[in-house]
Amino acid sequence: IMKWVEQIILRSSSESLQELDIDSVIALANMNRTPRPNHIKVYKHGSLETDLSVFLCWATEQQEPLGSPVARHISQQLSNFGLVNSSWWIETLDVA
């Protein structure tokens, strides 16, 4: 099993970010889709109030080089609120 993470970064205006209901975006993206990520985490940038990052954590046989359907849906929805950048990362070390 491979552990990997998809990161989706949104850079928006403060007005756009106030209109964003991230819980609904994630719920719709995750609905009726398999496989589903093990965890979904959302972070706001520490000093830039207009930056938001979504992490989809996976444990699957292989990663999705073009992005998972869940990540593609979230990216598409977030693009309505600003600039979106996506990437994926394979876990190489887990220090407990």
N, C-alpha and C. Protein backbone atom coordinates (compact mmCIF):
# COMPACT_ATOMS: atom_id res chain seq x y z
N ILE A 1 0.85 -1.18 0.00
CA ILE A 1 0.00 0.00 0.00
C ILE A 1 0.89 1.24 0.00
N MET A 2 0.57 2.18 -0.85
CA MET A 2 1.32 3.42 -0.96
C MET A 2 0.56 4.54 -0.25
N LYS A 3 1.27 5.30 0.57
CA LYS A 3 0.66 6.48 1.20
C LYS A 3 1.07 7.69 0.38
N TRP A 4 0.09 8.52 0.05
CA TRP A 4 0.35 9.71 -0.74
C TRP A 4 -0.68 10.77 -0.40
N VAL A 5 -0.39 12.00 -0.76
CA VAL A 5 -1.25 13.12 -0.45
C VAL A 5 -1.39 14.03 -1.67
N GLU A 6 -2.60 14.54 -1.86
CA GLU A 6 -2.84 15.56 -2.88
C GLU A 6 -3.01 16.88 -2.15
N GLN A 7 -2.39 17.91 -2.68
CA GLN A 7 -2.51 19.25 -2.10
C GLN A 7 -3.14 20.17 -3.13
N ILE A 8 -4.18 20.87 -2.71
CA ILE A 8 -4.86 21.85 -3.56
C ILE A 8 -4.74 23.19 -2.86
N ILE A 9 -4.14 24.15 -3.51
CA ILE A 9 -3.95 25.48 -2.92
C ILE A 9 -4.83 26.48 -3.65
N LEU A 10 -5.56 27.25 -2.89
CA LEU A 10 -6.39 28.33 -3.43
C LEU A 10 -5.83 29.66 -2.97
N ARG A 11 -5.61 30.56 -3.91
CA ARG A 11 -5.27 31.95 -3.61
C ARG A 11 -6.41 32.80 -4.12
N SER A 12 -7.10 33.48 -3.22
CA SER A 12 -8.29 34.23 -3.60
C SER A 12 -8.24 35.64 -3.05
N SER A 13 -9.26 36.41 -3.36
CA SER A 13 -9.42 37.71 -2.73
C SER A 13 -10.15 37.49 -1.41
N SER A 14 -10.05 38.44 -0.51
CA SER A 14 -10.71 38.26 0.78
C SER A 14 -12.23 38.18 0.61
N GLU A 15 -12.78 38.89 -0.38
CA GLU A 15 -14.22 38.84 -0.61
C GLU A 15 -14.64 37.44 -1.09
N SER A 16 -13.87 36.87 -2.01
CA SER A 16 -14.19 35.54 -2.54
C SER A 16 -14.12 34.49 -1.45
N LEU A 17 -13.10 34.56 -0.61
CA LEU A 17 -12.92 33.57 0.44
C LEU A 17 -14.07 33.61 1.45
N GLN A 18 -14.62 34.78 1.69
CA GLN A 18 -15.75 34.89 2.61
C GLN A 18 -16.99 34.20 2.05
N GLU A 19 -17.11 34.13 0.73
CA GLU A 19 -18.26 33.48 0.10
C GLU A 19 -18.11 31.96 0.01
N LEU A 20 -16.91 31.46 0.21
CA LEU A 20 -16.62 30.04 0.04
C LEU A 20 -17.12 29.22 1.22
N ASP A 21 -17.90 28.19 0.95
CA ASP A 21 -18.33 27.22 1.95
C ASP A 21 -17.53 25.95 1.70
N ILE A 22 -16.33 25.87 2.27
CA ILE A 22 -15.42 24.76 1.98
C ILE A 22 -16.00 23.42 2.42
N ASP A 23 -16.78 23.40 3.49
CA ASP A 23 -17.39 22.14 3.95
C ASP A 23 -18.30 21.56 2.87
N SER A 24 -19.08 22.40 2.23
CA SER A 24 -19.99 21.93 1.18
C SER A 24 -19.23 21.45 -0.05
N VAL A 25 -18.17 22.17 -0.40
CA VAL A 25 -17.35 21.78 -1.56
C VAL A 25 -16.77 20.38 -1.34
N ILE A 26 -16.24 20.14 -0.15
CA ILE A 26 -15.63 18.83 0.15
C ILE A 26 -16.70 17.75 0.23
N ALA A 27 -17.82 18.04 0.85
CA ALA A 27 -18.90 17.05 0.97
C ALA A 27 -19.39 16.62 -0.42
N LEU A 28 -19.58 17.58 -1.31
CA LEU A 28 -20.04 17.24 -2.66
C LEU A 28 -18.99 16.45 -3.44
N ALA A 29 -17.74 16.80 -3.25
CA ALA A 29 -16.66 16.11 -3.96
C ALA A 29 -16.52 14.67 -3.49
N ASN A 30 -16.77 14.43 -2.22
CA ASN A 30 -16.57 13.12 -1.62
C ASN A 30 -17.79 12.21 -1.77
N MET A 31 -18.93 12.79 -2.13
CA MET A 31 -20.18 12.05 -2.20
C MET A 31 -20.15 11.02 -3.33
N ASN A 32 -20.53 9.80 -3.02
CA ASN A 32 -20.68 8.73 -4.01
C ASN A 32 -19.42 8.48 -4.83
N ARG A 33 -18.27 8.73 -4.29
CA ARG A 33 -17.02 8.48 -5.03
C ARG A 33 -16.23 7.40 -4.29
N THR A 34 -15.67 6.50 -5.07
CA THR A 34 -14.76 5.52 -4.50
C THR A 34 -13.55 5.44 -5.42
N PRO A 35 -12.38 5.32 -4.89
CA PRO A 35 -12.11 5.32 -3.46
C PRO A 35 -12.22 6.72 -2.88
N ARG A 36 -12.32 6.76 -1.58
CA ARG A 36 -12.34 8.04 -0.87
C ARG A 36 -11.03 8.20 -0.12
N PRO A 37 -10.62 9.44 0.07
CA PRO A 37 -9.38 9.65 0.85
C PRO A 37 -9.56 9.22 2.30
N ASN A 38 -8.46 8.80 2.93
CA ASN A 38 -8.50 8.42 4.34
C ASN A 38 -8.81 9.63 5.22
N HIS A 39 -8.22 10.77 4.86
CA HIS A 39 -8.40 12.01 5.61
C HIS A 39 -8.46 13.17 4.63
N ILE A 40 -9.22 14.18 5.00
CA ILE A 40 -9.20 15.46 4.29
C ILE A 40 -8.95 16.53 5.33
N LYS A 41 -7.94 17.34 5.09
CA LYS A 41 -7.60 18.41 6.03
C LYS A 41 -7.57 19.73 5.27
N VAL A 42 -8.03 20.78 5.92
CA VAL A 42 -8.05 22.12 5.33
C VAL A 42 -7.26 23.05 6.25
N TYR A 43 -6.36 23.81 5.65
CA TYR A 43 -5.53 24.76 6.40
C TYR A 43 -5.67 26.14 5.78
N LYS A 44 -5.62 27.16 6.64
CA LYS A 44 -5.50 28.55 6.19
C LYS A 44 -4.05 28.96 6.40
N HIS A 45 -3.55 29.77 5.48
CA HIS A 45 -2.17 30.25 5.57
C HIS A 45 -2.00 31.04 6.87
N GLY A 46 -0.84 30.92 7.49
CA GLY A 46 -0.58 31.60 8.75
C GLY A 46 -0.57 33.11 8.67
N SER A 47 -0.14 33.67 7.55
CA SER A 47 -0.07 35.12 7.45
C SER A 47 -0.85 35.71 6.28
N LEU A 48 -1.27 34.88 5.33
CA LEU A 48 -2.07 35.36 4.20
C LEU A 48 -3.50 34.85 4.35
N GLU A 49 -4.40 35.70 4.74
CA GLU A 49 -5.77 35.29 4.99
C GLU A 49 -6.50 34.81 3.75
N THR A 50 -5.96 35.09 2.58
CA THR A 50 -6.62 34.73 1.33
C THR A 50 -6.16 33.39 0.76
N ASP A 51 -5.23 32.72 1.44
CA ASP A 51 -4.72 31.43 0.97
C ASP A 51 -5.32 30.29 1.78
N LEU A 52 -5.73 29.25 1.08
CA LEU A 52 -6.34 28.08 1.69
C LEU A 52 -5.71 26.85 1.05
N SER A 53 -5.45 25.83 1.83
CA SER A 53 -4.86 24.61 1.31
C SER A 53 -5.67 23.40 1.77
N VAL A 54 -5.99 22.51 0.83
CA VAL A 54 -6.74 21.29 1.12
C VAL A 54 -5.82 20.11 0.88
N PHE A 55 -5.74 19.21 1.84
CA PHE A 55 -4.92 18.01 1.73
C PHE A 55 -5.82 16.78 1.73
N LEU A 56 -5.66 15.94 0.73
CA LEU A 56 -6.37 14.67 0.65
C LEU A 56 -5.33 13.58 0.89
N CYS A 57 -5.49 12.84 1.96
CA CYS A 57 -4.52 11.81 2.35
C CYS A 57 -5.04 10.44 1.93
N TRP A 58 -4.20 9.70 1.21
CA TRP A 58 -4.59 8.42 0.62
C TRP A 58 -3.66 7.29 1.08
N ALA A 59 -4.18 6.07 1.03
CA ALA A 59 -3.39 4.85 1.18
C ALA A 59 -3.97 3.87 0.17
N THR A 60 -3.36 3.77 -1.01
CA THR A 60 -3.88 2.95 -2.10
C THR A 60 -2.74 2.15 -2.74
N GLU A 61 -3.09 1.29 -3.65
CA GLU A 61 -2.09 0.49 -4.35
C GLU A 61 -1.20 1.36 -5.23
N GLN A 62 -1.76 2.43 -5.80
CA GLN A 62 -0.98 3.36 -6.61
C GLN A 62 -1.61 4.73 -6.56
N GLN A 63 -0.81 5.75 -6.85
CA GLN A 63 -1.32 7.12 -6.86
C GLN A 63 -2.04 7.39 -8.17
N GLU A 64 -2.75 8.49 -8.21
CA GLU A 64 -3.47 8.93 -9.41
C GLU A 64 -2.64 10.05 -10.05
N PRO A 65 -1.87 9.75 -11.09
CA PRO A 65 -0.99 10.76 -11.68
C PRO A 65 -1.72 12.01 -12.19
N LEU A 66 -2.97 11.86 -12.60
CA LEU A 66 -3.73 13.01 -13.08
C LEU A 66 -4.62 13.59 -12.00
N GLY A 67 -4.47 13.11 -10.78
CA GLY A 67 -5.31 13.57 -9.68
C GLY A 67 -6.53 12.70 -9.53
N SER A 68 -6.97 12.54 -8.30
CA SER A 68 -8.15 11.73 -8.03
C SER A 68 -9.40 12.48 -8.48
N PRO A 69 -10.50 11.76 -8.73
CA PRO A 69 -11.76 12.44 -9.05
C PRO A 69 -12.19 13.42 -7.95
N VAL A 70 -11.93 13.06 -6.70
CA VAL A 70 -12.28 13.95 -5.58
C VAL A 70 -11.49 15.24 -5.69
N ALA A 71 -10.18 15.14 -5.90
CA ALA A 71 -9.34 16.34 -6.01
C ALA A 71 -9.69 17.18 -7.23
N ARG A 72 -9.98 16.53 -8.34
CA ARG A 72 -10.36 17.28 -9.54
C ARG A 72 -11.65 18.06 -9.31
N HIS A 73 -12.61 17.45 -8.60
CA HIS A 73 -13.87 18.14 -8.32
C HIS A 73 -13.63 19.33 -7.38
N ILE A 74 -12.87 19.12 -6.34
CA ILE A 74 -12.58 20.22 -5.40
C ILE A 74 -11.85 21.35 -6.13
N SER A 75 -10.86 21.01 -6.95
CA SER A 75 -10.11 22.04 -7.69
C SER A 75 -11.02 22.83 -8.61
N GLN A 76 -11.90 22.13 -9.29
CA GLN A 76 -12.83 22.81 -10.20
C GLN A 76 -13.73 23.77 -9.44
N GLN A 77 -14.25 23.34 -8.30
CA GLN A 77 -15.13 24.21 -7.51
C GLN A 77 -14.36 25.40 -6.94
N LEU A 78 -13.15 25.15 -6.46
CA LEU A 78 -12.37 26.24 -5.87
C LEU A 78 -11.93 27.27 -6.91
N SER A 79 -11.81 26.84 -8.17
CA SER A 79 -11.38 27.79 -9.22
C SER A 79 -12.39 28.92 -9.42
N ASN A 80 -13.60 28.74 -8.93
CA ASN A 80 -14.59 29.83 -8.97
C ASN A 80 -14.26 30.95 -7.99
N PHE A 81 -13.31 30.69 -7.07
CA PHE A 81 -13.00 31.65 -6.03
C PHE A 81 -11.60 32.24 -6.15
N GLY A 82 -10.83 31.79 -7.14
CA GLY A 82 -9.49 32.33 -7.30
C GLY A 82 -8.58 31.38 -8.05
N LEU A 83 -7.28 31.58 -7.90
CA LEU A 83 -6.28 30.76 -8.58
C LEU A 83 -6.05 29.46 -7.80
N VAL A 84 -6.01 28.34 -8.52
CA VAL A 84 -5.85 27.03 -7.90
C VAL A 84 -4.60 26.35 -8.44
N ASN A 85 -3.84 25.76 -7.54
CA ASN A 85 -2.66 24.98 -7.90
C ASN A 85 -2.78 23.63 -7.20
N SER A 86 -2.49 22.54 -7.93
CA SER A 86 -2.59 21.20 -7.37
C SER A 86 -1.28 20.45 -7.54
N SER A 87 -0.99 19.57 -6.58
CA SER A 87 0.17 18.69 -6.69
C SER A 87 -0.08 17.45 -5.85
N TRP A 88 0.71 16.41 -6.08
CA TRP A 88 0.59 15.22 -5.25
C TRP A 88 1.97 14.77 -4.83
N TRP A 89 2.01 14.14 -3.65
CA TRP A 89 3.27 13.78 -3.02
C TRP A 89 3.19 12.35 -2.49
N ILE A 90 4.24 11.57 -2.67
CA ILE A 90 4.32 10.21 -2.16
C ILE A 90 5.08 10.24 -0.84
N GLU A 91 4.53 9.58 0.18
CA GLU A 91 5.18 9.55 1.48
C GLU A 91 6.44 8.68 1.41
N THR A 92 7.55 9.22 1.91
CA THR A 92 8.80 8.48 1.94
C THR A 92 9.29 8.21 3.35
N LEU A 93 8.77 8.95 4.32
CA LEU A 93 9.21 8.79 5.70
C LEU A 93 8.08 9.16 6.64
N ASP A 94 7.85 8.34 7.65
CA ASP A 94 6.82 8.62 8.66
C ASP A 94 7.47 8.50 10.02
N VAL A 95 7.76 9.65 10.65
CA VAL A 95 8.40 9.67 11.95
C VAL A 95 7.33 9.89 13.00
N ALA A 96 7.18 8.95 13.91
CA ALA A 96 6.14 9.06 14.93
C ALA A 96 6.68 9.69 16.19
